[in-house]
Amino acid sequence: MKKNSYDAFFKALASRTRLRIIESLRESPKNVTLLAKSTGCEQSLVSHNLMALKAWGLVHPRRHGREIVYSLDKGNLDPILHAIDRYLKGRGARLSGCGILNGGETCRHLTEAKN
């Protein structure tokens, strides 16, 4: 059961669109129109991905007049994002150059470690 939960949680965060939405919402709460502009995605794609993030409790909708404004679940998601930020601070450049993560079969740092 726990493994399936981890799989689903990381799958929710593995989408580039959802990550763009999360990054945008880290700046400030936004409605779907503003999220579409800030992420460069179609509104329908943003709405679809917001449903997934909402289902996981990672974003919270709030009615503001006639529109719905979304914000991050700061209590639960902020500590996770800060931990990721700390992790990437020391490893970001290495990970961004990783052949495996960029669709290759191997990675230079793994090959060098074997030699």
Protein backbone atom coordinates (compact mmCIF):
# COMPACT_ATOMS: atom_id res chain seq x y z
CA MET A 1 0.00 0.00 0.00
CA LYS A 2 2.77 2.47 0.95
CA LYS A 3 4.68 1.73 -2.28
CA ASN A 4 1.59 2.52 -4.36
CA SER A 5 1.14 5.79 -2.48
CA TYR A 6 4.75 6.78 -3.17
CA ASP A 7 4.34 5.84 -6.83
CA ALA A 8 1.19 7.94 -7.17
CA PHE A 9 2.64 10.90 -5.24
CA PHE A 10 5.82 11.09 -7.30
CA LYS A 11 3.84 10.53 -10.48
CA ALA A 12 1.75 13.57 -9.55
CA LEU A 13 4.94 15.61 -9.28
CA ALA A 14 6.61 14.08 -12.35
CA SER A 15 4.52 16.02 -14.86
CA ARG A 16 6.26 19.05 -16.38
CA THR A 17 2.92 20.85 -16.57
CA ARG A 18 2.14 20.22 -12.90
CA LEU A 19 5.65 21.31 -11.92
CA ARG A 20 5.21 24.54 -13.90
CA ILE A 21 1.90 25.13 -12.12
CA ILE A 22 3.51 24.49 -8.73
CA GLU A 23 6.41 26.85 -9.54
CA SER A 24 3.98 29.55 -10.62
CA LEU A 25 1.87 29.12 -7.50
CA ARG A 26 4.99 29.38 -5.35
CA GLU A 27 5.14 33.01 -6.47
CA SER A 28 1.49 33.79 -5.70
CA PRO A 29 -2.05 32.36 -5.89
CA LYS A 30 -3.55 32.52 -9.40
CA ASN A 31 -6.63 31.69 -11.39
CA VAL A 32 -6.55 29.35 -14.39
CA THR A 33 -6.09 32.20 -16.89
CA LEU A 34 -3.02 33.56 -15.09
CA LEU A 35 -1.62 30.05 -14.62
CA ALA A 36 -2.01 29.38 -18.35
CA LYS A 37 -0.13 32.60 -19.14
CA SER A 38 2.64 32.00 -16.62
CA THR A 39 3.17 28.36 -17.63
CA GLY A 40 2.68 28.78 -21.38
CA CYS A 41 0.09 25.99 -21.36
CA GLU A 42 -3.45 25.90 -22.71
CA GLN A 43 -6.15 26.67 -20.13
CA SER A 44 -7.73 23.24 -20.59
CA LEU A 45 -4.39 21.55 -19.84
CA VAL A 46 -3.91 23.71 -16.76
CA SER A 47 -7.44 22.93 -15.55
CA HIS A 48 -6.93 19.20 -16.07
CA ASN A 49 -3.65 19.22 -14.13
CA LEU A 50 -5.11 21.39 -11.36
CA MET A 51 -7.73 18.67 -10.81
CA ALA A 52 -4.95 16.14 -10.21
CA LEU A 53 -3.09 18.49 -7.86
CA LYS A 54 -6.33 19.27 -6.04
CA ALA A 55 -7.15 15.55 -5.70
CA TRP A 56 -3.79 15.07 -3.98
CA GLY A 57 -4.42 18.08 -1.75
CA LEU A 58 -1.39 19.90 -3.13
CA VAL A 59 -3.40 22.94 -4.21
CA HIS A 60 -6.46 24.56 -2.72
CA PRO A 61 -9.15 26.38 -4.70
CA ARG A 62 -10.75 29.48 -3.23
CA ARG A 63 -13.68 31.27 -4.79
CA HIS A 64 -12.93 34.94 -5.27
CA GLY A 65 -16.03 36.54 -6.75
CA ARG A 66 -16.75 34.78 -10.03
CA GLU A 67 -13.33 33.17 -10.37
CA ILE A 68 -11.50 30.41 -8.58
CA VAL A 69 -8.03 31.22 -7.32
CA TYR A 70 -5.61 28.38 -6.62
CA SER A 71 -2.88 28.35 -4.02
CA LEU A 72 -0.39 25.77 -2.81
CA ASP A 73 -0.96 23.73 0.31
CA LYS A 74 1.86 25.51 2.08
CA GLY A 75 1.62 23.43 5.23
CA ASN A 76 2.35 20.16 3.46
CA LEU A 77 3.95 21.06 0.14
CA ASP A 78 6.31 23.85 1.24
CA PRO A 79 8.49 21.58 3.41
CA ILE A 80 8.78 19.12 0.51
CA LEU A 81 9.68 21.87 -1.97
CA HIS A 82 12.24 23.37 0.41
CA ALA A 83 13.83 19.93 0.91
CA ILE A 84 14.02 19.51 -2.88
CA ASP A 85 15.53 23.00 -3.20
CA ARG A 86 18.21 22.11 -0.64
CA TYR A 87 18.93 18.82 -2.39
CA LEU A 88 19.21 20.44 -5.82
CA LYS A 89 21.40 23.26 -4.57
CA GLY A 90 24.35 20.89 -4.38
CA ARG A 91 23.39 18.53 -7.17
CA GLY A 92 21.33 20.50 -9.68
CA ALA A 93 24.06 21.01 -12.28
CA ARG A 94 25.10 17.37 -12.08
CA LEU A 95 21.51 16.17 -12.45
CA SER A 96 20.75 18.51 -15.35
CA GLY A 97 23.75 17.06 -17.23
CA CYS A 98 22.78 13.47 -16.50
CA GLY A 99 22.46 11.47 -19.71
CA ILE A 100 19.96 9.04 -18.20
CA LEU A 101 17.65 11.80 -16.99
CA ASN A 102 17.91 13.46 -20.39
CA GLY A 103 16.86 10.35 -22.30
CA GLY A 104 20.26 8.73 -22.84
CA GLU A 105 21.36 5.22 -21.96
CA THR A 106 24.15 6.13 -19.57
CA CYS A 107 25.62 9.04 -17.71
CA ARG A 108 29.18 10.36 -17.82
CA HIS A 109 29.56 10.44 -14.02
CA LEU A 110 28.48 6.78 -13.79
CA THR A 111 30.91 5.70 -16.52
CA GLU A 112 33.77 7.65 -14.93
CA ALA A 113 33.06 6.05 -11.56
CA LYS A 114 33.55 2.56 -13.06
CA ASN A 115 36.95 3.40 -14.59
